[in-house]
Amino acid sequence: MGTYHRLRCDEQTGEPTNHARNYVRPELAARIDPDDLVRRPMTKVLRDVLGIGISRITDTVEARLADPETARLLEVPLLSPILHYTGITYDTAGGCWTWRSSTTGATASPSRSPWTPPEAVEAA
């Protein structure tokens, strides 16, 4: 099993916003150039670079509390609310090619949150 980790950061602040782990079947992992993953998400590497015909991706999103590793990576307090995404990618023959686990953190800091609370808009 090949495992790839990616930590995405805000382009302006440099603060971590997302941590993703992709687990890939061994025969596929041997064909992936890590440099491709710097420029593209795993799904595009599978489809556009390796020519895998993707038929579907099963997605699950849930709210969780940050465990110690996630809190460290995302630089948020332990047990902070986070969104956890799981995606399973299937090819056109029905085979499972990748499993992705991703966490996104949010805090009260405006630079760490994609939305502005209504009371902050009204006060401005």
N, C-alpha and C. Protein backbone atom coordinates (compact mmCIF):
# COMPACT_ATOMS: atom_id res chain seq x y z
N MET A 1 0.85 -1.17 0.00
CA MET A 1 0.00 0.00 0.00
C MET A 1 0.90 1.23 0.00
N GLY A 2 0.67 2.13 -0.96
CA GLY A 2 1.39 3.40 -0.99
C GLY A 2 0.61 4.43 -0.19
N THR A 3 1.32 5.25 0.56
CA THR A 3 0.69 6.30 1.35
C THR A 3 1.32 7.63 1.01
N TYR A 4 0.47 8.62 0.75
CA TYR A 4 0.92 9.96 0.42
C TYR A 4 0.27 10.94 1.39
N HIS A 5 1.06 11.86 1.93
CA HIS A 5 0.57 12.88 2.85
C HIS A 5 0.71 14.24 2.20
N ARG A 6 -0.27 15.10 2.45
CA ARG A 6 -0.21 16.46 1.92
C ARG A 6 -0.75 17.41 2.99
N LEU A 7 0.00 18.46 3.26
CA LEU A 7 -0.43 19.50 4.17
C LEU A 7 -0.58 20.78 3.35
N ARG A 8 -1.81 21.25 3.23
CA ARG A 8 -2.06 22.48 2.47
C ARG A 8 -2.09 23.65 3.43
N CYS A 9 -1.54 24.77 2.97
CA CYS A 9 -1.47 25.98 3.79
C CYS A 9 -2.09 27.15 3.06
N ASP A 10 -2.61 28.11 3.83
CA ASP A 10 -3.16 29.33 3.27
C ASP A 10 -2.03 30.07 2.55
N GLU A 11 -2.28 30.50 1.32
CA GLU A 11 -1.24 31.16 0.52
C GLU A 11 -0.80 32.49 1.11
N GLN A 12 -1.71 33.19 1.80
CA GLN A 12 -1.37 34.51 2.34
C GLN A 12 -0.71 34.42 3.71
N THR A 13 -1.25 33.56 4.58
CA THR A 13 -0.75 33.51 5.96
C THR A 13 0.24 32.38 6.21
N GLY A 14 0.21 31.36 5.37
CA GLY A 14 1.07 30.20 5.58
C GLY A 14 0.54 29.25 6.62
N GLU A 15 -0.63 29.55 7.19
CA GLU A 15 -1.21 28.68 8.21
C GLU A 15 -1.76 27.41 7.57
N PRO A 16 -1.56 26.25 8.22
CA PRO A 16 -2.09 24.99 7.68
C PRO A 16 -3.62 25.01 7.68
N THR A 17 -4.22 24.53 6.60
CA THR A 17 -5.68 24.51 6.49
C THR A 17 -6.25 23.11 6.27
N ASN A 18 -5.43 22.20 5.75
CA ASN A 18 -5.93 20.86 5.40
C ASN A 18 -4.79 19.86 5.42
N HIS A 19 -5.08 18.69 5.97
CA HIS A 19 -4.12 17.58 5.93
C HIS A 19 -4.82 16.41 5.27
N ALA A 20 -4.19 15.86 4.25
CA ALA A 20 -4.79 14.73 3.52
C ALA A 20 -3.81 13.56 3.49
N ARG A 21 -4.37 12.36 3.57
CA ARG A 21 -3.63 11.12 3.40
C ARG A 21 -4.32 10.34 2.30
N ASN A 22 -3.55 9.92 1.32
CA ASN A 22 -4.07 9.05 0.27
C ASN A 22 -3.42 7.69 0.41
N TYR A 23 -4.23 6.66 0.43
CA TYR A 23 -3.74 5.28 0.45
C TYR A 23 -4.04 4.69 -0.92
N VAL A 24 -3.01 4.18 -1.57
CA VAL A 24 -3.11 3.75 -2.95
C VAL A 24 -2.64 2.30 -3.09
N ARG A 25 -3.32 1.54 -3.94
CA ARG A 25 -2.90 0.16 -4.19
C ARG A 25 -1.45 0.13 -4.66
N PRO A 26 -0.67 -0.88 -4.26
CA PRO A 26 0.77 -0.93 -4.56
C PRO A 26 1.11 -0.82 -6.04
N GLU A 27 0.36 -1.50 -6.89
CA GLU A 27 0.68 -1.45 -8.32
C GLU A 27 0.48 -0.05 -8.90
N LEU A 28 -0.39 0.72 -8.29
CA LEU A 28 -0.61 2.09 -8.72
C LEU A 28 0.45 3.02 -8.10
N ALA A 29 0.76 2.80 -6.84
CA ALA A 29 1.75 3.64 -6.15
C ALA A 29 3.09 3.64 -6.90
N ALA A 30 3.45 2.52 -7.48
CA ALA A 30 4.72 2.40 -8.20
C ALA A 30 4.76 3.30 -9.44
N ARG A 31 3.59 3.70 -9.94
CA ARG A 31 3.51 4.52 -11.16
C ARG A 31 3.36 6.01 -10.87
N ILE A 32 3.17 6.40 -9.62
CA ILE A 32 2.92 7.80 -9.28
C ILE A 32 4.24 8.52 -9.04
N ASP A 33 4.40 9.64 -9.73
CA ASP A 33 5.55 10.51 -9.53
C ASP A 33 5.15 11.54 -8.46
N PRO A 34 5.82 11.56 -7.30
CA PRO A 34 5.45 12.51 -6.25
C PRO A 34 5.43 13.97 -6.72
N ASP A 35 6.24 14.31 -7.73
CA ASP A 35 6.22 15.68 -8.25
C ASP A 35 4.86 16.03 -8.86
N ASP A 36 4.16 15.03 -9.41
CA ASP A 36 2.83 15.29 -9.96
C ASP A 36 1.86 15.71 -8.86
N LEU A 37 2.05 15.18 -7.65
CA LEU A 37 1.14 15.49 -6.55
C LEU A 37 1.37 16.89 -5.98
N VAL A 38 2.50 17.49 -6.31
CA VAL A 38 2.75 18.87 -5.88
C VAL A 38 1.85 19.81 -6.66
N ARG A 39 1.59 19.47 -7.92
CA ARG A 39 0.81 20.35 -8.81
C ARG A 39 -0.65 19.95 -8.96
N ARG A 40 -1.00 18.71 -8.63
CA ARG A 40 -2.36 18.22 -8.87
C ARG A 40 -2.87 17.39 -7.70
N PRO A 41 -4.18 17.39 -7.48
CA PRO A 41 -4.75 16.47 -6.50
C PRO A 41 -4.67 15.02 -7.02
N MET A 42 -4.75 14.07 -6.11
CA MET A 42 -4.61 12.65 -6.46
C MET A 42 -5.60 12.23 -7.55
N THR A 43 -6.84 12.69 -7.49
CA THR A 43 -7.84 12.29 -8.48
C THR A 43 -7.39 12.68 -9.89
N LYS A 44 -6.83 13.88 -10.04
CA LYS A 44 -6.37 14.31 -11.37
C LYS A 44 -5.14 13.52 -11.81
N VAL A 45 -4.27 13.16 -10.87
CA VAL A 45 -3.11 12.33 -11.23
C VAL A 45 -3.60 10.98 -11.74
N LEU A 46 -4.56 10.38 -11.03
CA LEU A 46 -5.10 9.09 -11.46
C LEU A 46 -5.70 9.18 -12.86
N ARG A 47 -6.55 10.18 -13.05
CA ARG A 47 -7.29 10.31 -14.31
C ARG A 47 -6.43 10.85 -15.45
N ASP A 48 -5.77 11.98 -15.23
CA ASP A 48 -5.09 12.69 -16.31
C ASP A 48 -3.67 12.21 -16.58
N VAL A 49 -2.96 11.80 -15.55
CA VAL A 49 -1.57 11.37 -15.73
C VAL A 49 -1.47 9.87 -15.97
N LEU A 50 -2.19 9.09 -15.16
CA LEU A 50 -2.09 7.63 -15.26
C LEU A 50 -3.15 7.01 -16.16
N GLY A 51 -4.15 7.79 -16.54
CA GLY A 51 -5.18 7.28 -17.45
C GLY A 51 -6.16 6.31 -16.84
N ILE A 52 -6.37 6.38 -15.53
CA ILE A 52 -7.34 5.52 -14.85
C ILE A 52 -8.74 6.07 -15.14
N GLY A 53 -9.62 5.23 -15.64
CA GLY A 53 -11.01 5.64 -15.85
C GLY A 53 -11.76 5.60 -14.54
N ILE A 54 -12.11 6.77 -14.02
CA ILE A 54 -12.81 6.85 -12.73
C ILE A 54 -14.30 6.83 -12.98
N SER A 55 -14.98 5.88 -12.34
CA SER A 55 -16.42 5.78 -12.52
C SER A 55 -17.18 6.50 -11.41
N ARG A 56 -16.63 6.47 -10.20
CA ARG A 56 -17.32 7.14 -9.10
C ARG A 56 -16.37 7.31 -7.92
N ILE A 57 -16.75 8.25 -7.06
CA ILE A 57 -16.05 8.48 -5.80
C ILE A 57 -17.12 8.54 -4.72
N THR A 58 -16.98 7.69 -3.72
CA THR A 58 -17.91 7.68 -2.60
C THR A 58 -17.36 8.63 -1.54
N ASP A 59 -18.12 9.68 -1.20
CA ASP A 59 -17.68 10.70 -0.26
C ASP A 59 -18.46 10.63 1.04
N THR A 60 -17.75 10.86 2.14
CA THR A 60 -18.37 10.99 3.45
C THR A 60 -17.73 12.18 4.15
N VAL A 61 -18.55 13.06 4.70
CA VAL A 61 -18.04 14.22 5.43
C VAL A 61 -18.70 14.20 6.81
N GLU A 62 -17.87 14.41 7.84
CA GLU A 62 -18.42 14.42 9.19
C GLU A 62 -17.65 15.39 10.08
N ALA A 63 -18.32 15.88 11.10
CA ALA A 63 -17.67 16.72 12.10
C ALA A 63 -16.99 15.82 13.12
N ARG A 64 -15.78 16.21 13.52
CA ARG A 64 -15.02 15.47 14.52
C ARG A 64 -14.29 16.45 15.42
N LEU A 65 -13.64 15.90 16.44
CA LEU A 65 -12.76 16.69 17.29
C LEU A 65 -11.33 16.32 16.93
N ALA A 66 -10.46 17.32 16.89
CA ALA A 66 -9.08 17.10 16.48
C ALA A 66 -8.34 16.20 17.48
N ASP A 67 -7.79 15.11 16.97
CA ASP A 67 -6.94 14.24 17.78
C ASP A 67 -5.56 14.88 17.90
N PRO A 68 -4.66 14.32 18.71
CA PRO A 68 -3.35 14.96 18.90
C PRO A 68 -2.56 15.19 17.60
N GLU A 69 -2.53 14.21 16.70
CA GLU A 69 -1.77 14.38 15.46
C GLU A 69 -2.39 15.46 14.57
N THR A 70 -3.69 15.44 14.43
CA THR A 70 -4.37 16.43 13.60
C THR A 70 -4.21 17.83 14.19
N ALA A 71 -4.35 17.96 15.49
CA ALA A 71 -4.18 19.26 16.14
C ALA A 71 -2.76 19.80 15.90
N ARG A 72 -1.77 18.93 15.98
CA ARG A 72 -0.39 19.36 15.74
C ARG A 72 -0.21 19.80 14.30
N LEU A 73 -0.69 19.01 13.34
CA LEU A 73 -0.50 19.33 11.93
C LEU A 73 -1.24 20.60 11.51
N LEU A 74 -2.45 20.78 12.01
CA LEU A 74 -3.26 21.93 11.62
C LEU A 74 -3.04 23.13 12.54
N GLU A 75 -2.21 22.94 13.55
CA GLU A 75 -1.90 24.01 14.51
C GLU A 75 -3.17 24.58 15.14
N VAL A 76 -4.02 23.67 15.62
CA VAL A 76 -5.24 24.06 16.33
C VAL A 76 -5.21 23.37 17.70
N PRO A 77 -5.97 23.88 18.66
CA PRO A 77 -6.00 23.24 19.97
C PRO A 77 -6.57 21.81 19.88
N LEU A 78 -6.07 20.96 20.76
CA LEU A 78 -6.59 19.60 20.87
C LEU A 78 -8.10 19.65 21.09
N LEU A 79 -8.81 18.77 20.43
CA LEU A 79 -10.27 18.66 20.50
C LEU A 79 -11.01 19.81 19.82
N SER A 80 -10.31 20.58 18.99
CA SER A 80 -10.99 21.61 18.20
C SER A 80 -11.92 20.95 17.19
N PRO A 81 -13.02 21.62 16.83
CA PRO A 81 -13.89 21.05 15.79
C PRO A 81 -13.19 21.07 14.44
N ILE A 82 -13.28 19.98 13.73
CA ILE A 82 -12.72 19.86 12.39
C ILE A 82 -13.72 19.14 11.50
N LEU A 83 -13.55 19.28 10.20
CA LEU A 83 -14.31 18.49 9.24
C LEU A 83 -13.42 17.36 8.77
N HIS A 84 -13.99 16.17 8.72
CA HIS A 84 -13.24 15.00 8.25
C HIS A 84 -13.92 14.47 7.00
N TYR A 85 -13.13 14.29 5.95
CA TYR A 85 -13.62 13.81 4.66
C TYR A 85 -12.98 12.46 4.37
N THR A 86 -13.78 11.52 3.91
CA THR A 86 -13.27 10.24 3.43
C THR A 86 -13.80 10.05 2.02
N GLY A 87 -12.92 9.72 1.08
CA GLY A 87 -13.32 9.47 -0.30
C GLY A 87 -12.71 8.18 -0.80
N ILE A 88 -13.51 7.36 -1.42
CA ILE A 88 -13.04 6.10 -2.00
C ILE A 88 -13.27 6.19 -3.51
N THR A 89 -12.19 6.01 -4.28
CA THR A 89 -12.23 6.15 -5.73
C THR A 89 -12.31 4.78 -6.39
N TYR A 90 -13.25 4.64 -7.32
CA TYR A 90 -13.46 3.38 -8.04
C TYR A 90 -13.21 3.58 -9.53
N ASP A 91 -12.64 2.57 -10.17
CA ASP A 91 -12.43 2.65 -11.61
C ASP A 91 -13.66 2.14 -12.34
N THR A 92 -13.62 2.18 -13.66
CA THR A 92 -14.78 1.79 -14.47
C THR A 92 -15.10 0.30 -14.37
N ALA A 93 -14.16 -0.51 -13.90
CA ALA A 93 -14.41 -1.94 -13.71
C ALA A 93 -14.92 -2.23 -12.30
N GLY A 94 -15.06 -1.19 -11.48
CA GLY A 94 -15.58 -1.36 -10.13
C GLY A 94 -14.51 -1.59 -9.08
N GLY A 95 -13.24 -1.58 -9.48
CA GLY A 95 -12.15 -1.78 -8.52
C GLY A 95 -11.87 -0.51 -7.73
N CYS A 96 -11.48 -0.69 -6.48
CA CYS A 96 -11.13 0.43 -5.61
C CYS A 96 -9.66 0.75 -5.81
N TRP A 97 -9.35 2.01 -6.15
CA TRP A 97 -7.97 2.42 -6.40
C TRP A 97 -7.36 3.21 -5.27
N THR A 98 -8.10 4.10 -4.66
CA THR A 98 -7.55 4.91 -3.58
C THR A 98 -8.58 5.10 -2.49
N TRP A 99 -8.04 5.39 -1.33
CA TRP A 99 -8.84 5.77 -0.18
C TRP A 99 -8.20 7.02 0.37
N ARG A 100 -8.98 8.08 0.54
CA ARG A 100 -8.44 9.35 1.00
C ARG A 100 -9.11 9.75 2.30
N SER A 101 -8.29 10.18 3.23
CA SER A 101 -8.75 10.71 4.49
C SER A 101 -8.21 12.13 4.59
N SER A 102 -9.08 13.09 4.86
CA SER A 102 -8.67 14.49 4.86
C SER A 102 -9.33 15.20 6.02
N THR A 103 -8.59 16.10 6.68
CA THR A 103 -9.15 16.90 7.76
C THR A 103 -8.92 18.37 7.49
N THR A 104 -9.92 19.17 7.81
CA THR A 104 -9.85 20.61 7.64
C THR A 104 -10.22 21.25 8.97
N GLY A 105 -9.37 22.14 9.45
CA GLY A 105 -9.62 22.79 10.73
C GLY A 105 -10.16 24.19 10.54
N ALA A 106 -10.86 24.68 11.53
CA ALA A 106 -11.34 26.07 11.53
C ALA A 106 -11.27 26.57 12.97
N THR A 107 -10.90 27.80 13.14
CA THR A 107 -10.88 28.41 14.46
C THR A 107 -11.63 29.72 14.39
N ALA A 108 -11.65 30.42 15.48
CA ALA A 108 -12.34 31.71 15.52
C ALA A 108 -11.56 32.79 14.79
N SER A 109 -10.30 32.56 14.49
CA SER A 109 -9.48 33.55 13.80
C SER A 109 -10.01 33.77 12.39
N PRO A 110 -10.25 35.03 11.98
CA PRO A 110 -10.76 35.28 10.63
C PRO A 110 -9.86 34.70 9.54
N SER A 111 -8.55 34.66 9.77
CA SER A 111 -7.65 34.13 8.75
C SER A 111 -7.75 32.61 8.65
N ARG A 112 -8.34 31.96 9.64
CA ARG A 112 -8.42 30.51 9.64
C ARG A 112 -9.82 30.01 9.29
N SER A 113 -10.75 30.92 9.11
CA SER A 113 -12.13 30.53 8.86
C SER A 113 -12.58 31.05 7.50
N PRO A 114 -13.25 30.21 6.67
CA PRO A 114 -13.67 30.66 5.35
C PRO A 114 -14.91 31.54 5.36
N TRP A 115 -15.47 31.82 6.51
CA TRP A 115 -16.67 32.64 6.58
C TRP A 115 -16.51 33.70 7.65
N THR A 116 -17.34 34.75 7.56
CA THR A 116 -17.34 35.82 8.55
C THR A 116 -18.64 35.73 9.32
N PRO A 117 -18.57 35.66 10.66
CA PRO A 117 -19.81 35.59 11.45
C PRO A 117 -20.66 36.83 11.19
N PRO A 118 -21.99 36.67 11.17
CA PRO A 118 -22.89 37.80 10.89
C PRO A 118 -22.66 38.98 11.82
N GLU A 119 -22.37 38.73 13.11
CA GLU A 119 -22.18 39.83 14.05
C GLU A 119 -20.95 40.65 13.69
N ALA A 120 -19.94 40.06 13.07
CA ALA A 120 -18.75 40.79 12.66
C ALA A 120 -19.06 41.70 11.47
N VAL A 121 -19.94 41.26 10.59
CA VAL A 121 -20.35 42.07 9.45
C VAL A 121 -21.16 43.26 9.91
N GLU A 122 -22.09 43.02 10.86
CA GLU A 122 -22.94 44.09 11.37
C GLU A 122 -22.15 45.13 12.13
N ALA A 123 -21.07 44.70 12.83
CA ALA A 123 -20.26 45.64 13.61
C ALA A 123 -19.35 46.49 12.75
N ALA A 124 -19.09 46.07 11.54
CA ALA A 124 -18.14 46.78 10.65
C ALA A 124 -18.75 48.01 10.03
